[in-house]
């Protein structure tokens, strides 16, 4: 959580997240054609990376399918870069496979306006021309500004202006869950 966040509700605890991720992993498996070696998962920084890695592990556990995972920083592809932060922190992009003719699954923790997904599609196509791109998100909170929707959704959480969804993973936050918050004032 950010220091000024005011928690309105906990939307998912660790067990809820585990069940939701298992369901999403099974959805990914259903999307794949038998013996399809062209699928790959790309996690968007920051929390989409951890989500993508967990999905990869679950898919391997369920079906013994090894799907490569990449990471993507879309910062420089955003059309609202000037509005999101004065201090932009760049992260590494690591796509250790050719994206050309692959079935890519872009992964992020929260879908809101659609701008991050649009930026991700622009970034990915700089690496090649995928056969197909799908989008998976843990939480869809609405407020779309672009005609972009998730193909696979963990949970839909309608929010009102001023509310935000915070996803936390043990790997980086030392706690696990999803919360609905509002920003407090100073």
Protein backbone atom coordinates (compact mmCIF):
# COMPACT_ATOMS: atom_id res chain seq x y z
CA UNK A 1 0.00 0.00 0.00
CA UNK A 2 1.02 3.56 -0.48
CA UNK A 3 1.40 5.61 2.72
CA UNK A 4 -1.74 7.70 2.17
CA UNK A 5 -4.02 4.85 1.08
CA UNK A 6 -7.25 4.45 3.02
CA UNK A 7 -8.45 0.84 2.80
CA UNK A 8 -12.13 0.55 1.96
CA UNK A 9 -12.24 -3.24 1.57
CA UNK A 10 -10.09 -6.30 1.13
CA UNK A 11 -11.25 -7.85 -2.14
CA UNK A 12 -9.08 -10.97 -2.10
CA UNK A 13 -6.93 -12.67 0.49
CA UNK A 14 -4.06 -15.07 -0.26
CA UNK A 15 -6.39 -18.07 -0.67
CA UNK A 16 -8.71 -16.14 -3.00
CA UNK A 17 -5.73 -15.14 -5.11
CA UNK A 18 -4.47 -18.72 -5.23
CA UNK A 19 -7.86 -20.01 -6.43
CA UNK A 20 -8.19 -17.20 -8.96
CA UNK A 21 -4.70 -17.76 -10.36
CA UNK A 22 -5.41 -21.50 -10.69
CA UNK A 23 -8.59 -20.70 -12.64
CA UNK A 24 -6.74 -18.25 -14.89
CA UNK A 25 -3.99 -20.80 -15.53
CA UNK A 26 -6.63 -23.32 -16.61
CA UNK A 27 -8.16 -20.70 -18.92
CA UNK A 28 -4.77 -20.18 -20.54
CA UNK A 29 -4.43 -23.93 -21.01
CA UNK A 30 -7.87 -24.07 -22.66
CA UNK A 31 -6.83 -21.31 -25.09
CA UNK A 32 -3.82 -23.30 -26.27
CA UNK A 33 -4.08 -25.76 -29.09
CA UNK A 34 -2.76 -29.25 -28.25
CA UNK A 35 1.00 -29.41 -28.75
CA UNK A 36 1.10 -25.67 -29.49
CA UNK A 37 4.72 -24.68 -29.05
CA UNK A 38 4.16 -21.08 -30.10
CA UNK A 39 2.54 -19.78 -26.89
CA UNK A 40 4.39 -17.38 -24.60
CA UNK A 41 3.49 -15.21 -21.64
CA UNK A 42 4.70 -11.63 -21.21
CA UNK A 43 4.30 -9.96 -17.83
CA UNK A 44 4.08 -6.19 -17.71
CA UNK A 45 6.13 -4.46 -15.06
CA UNK A 46 5.71 -4.37 -12.22
CA UNK A 47 3.20 -6.79 -10.75
CA UNK A 48 2.26 -8.37 -14.06
CA UNK A 49 5.73 -9.95 -14.05
CA UNK A 50 5.04 -11.83 -10.81
CA UNK A 51 1.60 -12.82 -12.02
CA UNK A 52 3.05 -14.16 -15.29
CA UNK A 53 5.66 -16.24 -13.46
CA UNK A 54 3.03 -17.73 -11.18
CA UNK A 55 0.85 -18.60 -14.16
CA UNK A 56 3.81 -20.25 -15.86
CA UNK A 57 4.43 -22.41 -12.78
CA UNK A 58 0.76 -23.39 -12.44
CA UNK A 59 0.49 -24.30 -16.13
CA UNK A 60 3.57 -26.45 -15.80
CA UNK A 61 2.17 -28.11 -12.67
CA UNK A 62 -1.26 -28.76 -14.21
CA UNK A 63 -0.29 -29.93 -17.68
CA UNK A 64 3.50 -30.27 -17.76
CA UNK A 65 3.58 -27.58 -20.45
CA UNK A 66 6.60 -25.28 -20.42
CA UNK A 67 5.61 -21.84 -21.66
CA UNK A 68 8.36 -19.22 -21.96
CA UNK A 69 7.89 -16.01 -20.00
CA UNK A 70 9.15 -12.55 -20.82
CA UNK A 71 8.98 -9.21 -19.06
CA UNK A 72 7.99 -5.90 -20.58
CA UNK A 73 8.44 -2.28 -19.54
CA UNK A 74 5.94 -0.13 -21.42
CA UNK A 75 6.92 3.21 -19.87
CA UNK A 76 8.28 4.82 -23.02
CA UNK A 77 5.29 3.62 -25.07
CA UNK A 78 2.68 5.32 -22.87
CA UNK A 79 0.73 8.20 -24.36
CA UNK A 80 0.12 9.65 -20.90
CA UNK A 81 3.70 9.55 -19.65
CA UNK A 82 3.69 13.25 -18.80
CA UNK A 83 0.69 12.72 -16.48
CA UNK A 84 1.69 9.59 -14.58
CA UNK A 85 4.85 10.67 -12.84
CA UNK A 86 7.60 13.20 -12.63
CA UNK A 87 10.12 10.50 -11.72
CA UNK A 88 9.66 7.64 -14.12
CA UNK A 89 11.43 4.46 -13.10
CA UNK A 90 12.49 2.40 -16.09
CA UNK A 91 12.57 -1.37 -15.71
CA UNK A 92 14.12 -3.96 -17.97
CA UNK A 93 12.39 -5.62 -20.87
CA UNK A 94 13.47 -9.22 -21.31
CA UNK A 95 11.77 -11.20 -24.06
CA UNK A 96 14.06 -14.22 -24.55
CA UNK A 97 12.14 -15.58 -27.54
CA UNK A 98 11.08 -14.42 -30.97
CA UNK A 99 7.54 -13.01 -30.81
CA UNK A 100 6.94 -13.45 -34.55
CA UNK A 101 4.06 -15.86 -35.21
CA UNK A 102 3.63 -16.59 -31.50
CA UNK A 103 0.43 -16.70 -29.48
CA UNK A 104 1.25 -14.11 -26.80
CA UNK A 105 -0.59 -13.62 -23.55
CA UNK A 106 0.06 -10.20 -22.06
CA UNK A 107 -0.39 -10.17 -18.28
CA UNK A 108 -1.00 -7.31 -15.87
CA UNK A 109 -2.45 -7.08 -12.38
CA UNK A 110 -5.14 -4.42 -12.92
CA UNK A 111 -6.98 -3.20 -16.02
CA UNK A 112 -8.38 0.30 -15.82
CA UNK A 113 -8.14 2.71 -18.75
CA UNK A 114 -6.55 0.32 -21.25
CA UNK A 115 -3.59 2.63 -21.88
CA UNK A 116 -1.02 0.23 -20.42
CA UNK A 117 -2.29 -2.60 -22.62
CA UNK A 118 -2.20 -0.39 -25.71
CA UNK A 119 1.36 0.60 -24.86
CA UNK A 120 2.26 -3.07 -24.37
CA UNK A 121 0.90 -4.01 -27.79
CA UNK A 122 2.94 -1.21 -29.36
CA UNK A 123 6.06 -2.36 -27.53
CA UNK A 124 5.59 -6.03 -28.44
CA UNK A 125 5.15 -5.28 -32.13
CA UNK A 126 8.54 -3.55 -32.10
CA UNK A 127 9.95 -7.05 -31.48
CA UNK A 128 8.02 -8.72 -34.32
CA UNK A 129 4.54 -9.63 -35.51
CA UNK A 130 2.75 -12.06 -33.19
CA UNK A 131 0.15 -14.42 -34.64
CA UNK A 132 -2.21 -13.51 -31.79
CA UNK A 133 -2.18 -11.34 -28.68
CA UNK A 134 -4.50 -11.94 -25.75
CA UNK A 135 -4.70 -10.05 -22.49
CA UNK A 136 -5.07 -11.51 -19.00
CA UNK A 137 -5.62 -9.45 -15.87
CA UNK A 138 -6.18 -10.31 -12.24
CA UNK A 139 -8.62 -7.42 -11.68
CA UNK A 140 -10.71 -5.45 -14.19
CA UNK A 141 -11.90 -2.25 -12.56
CA UNK A 142 -13.49 -0.52 -15.55
CA UNK A 143 -13.06 3.15 -16.51
CA UNK A 144 -11.91 2.26 -20.04
CA UNK A 145 -10.59 5.10 -22.17
CA UNK A 146 -9.74 2.87 -25.12
CA UNK A 147 -11.65 -0.01 -26.75
CA UNK A 148 -9.54 -2.61 -24.94
CA UNK A 149 -10.92 -5.47 -22.85
CA UNK A 150 -9.30 -8.44 -21.15
CA UNK A 151 -9.70 -11.89 -22.67
CA UNK A 152 -9.21 -13.55 -19.29
CA UNK A 153 -10.18 -11.84 -16.03
CA UNK A 154 -9.71 -12.97 -12.45
CA UNK A 155 -12.29 -10.66 -10.95
CA UNK A 156 -14.35 -7.68 -12.08
CA UNK A 157 -14.44 -4.92 -9.47
CA UNK A 158 -16.55 -1.90 -10.42
CA UNK A 159 -15.00 1.22 -8.94
CA UNK A 160 -15.95 4.85 -8.71
CA UNK A 161 -13.67 7.81 -9.46
CA UNK A 162 -11.15 8.21 -6.65
CA UNK A 163 -11.02 4.50 -5.83
CA UNK A 164 -8.03 2.38 -6.75
CA UNK A 165 -7.26 -1.31 -6.63
CA UNK A 166 -4.01 -2.37 -4.97
CA UNK A 167 -2.61 -5.84 -5.66
CA UNK A 168 0.18 -7.08 -3.44
CA UNK A 169 2.40 -10.13 -3.85
CA UNK A 170 4.63 -11.72 -1.22
CA UNK A 171 7.58 -11.50 -3.61
CA UNK A 172 7.76 -7.71 -3.46
CA UNK A 173 5.25 -6.55 -0.85
CA UNK A 174 5.66 -9.12 1.94
CA UNK A 175 1.89 -9.60 1.95
CA UNK A 176 -0.64 -11.13 -0.39
CA UNK A 177 -4.02 -9.81 -1.42
CA UNK A 178 -6.11 -7.27 -3.28
CA UNK A 179 -7.55 -4.16 -1.67
CA UNK A 180 -9.92 -1.38 -2.70
CA UNK A 181 -8.47 1.93 -1.51
CA UNK A 182 -8.92 5.67 -1.77
CA UNK A 183 -6.05 8.10 -1.60
CA UNK A 184 -5.89 10.11 1.60
CA UNK A 185 -4.97 13.77 1.58
CA UNK A 186 -1.96 15.34 3.28
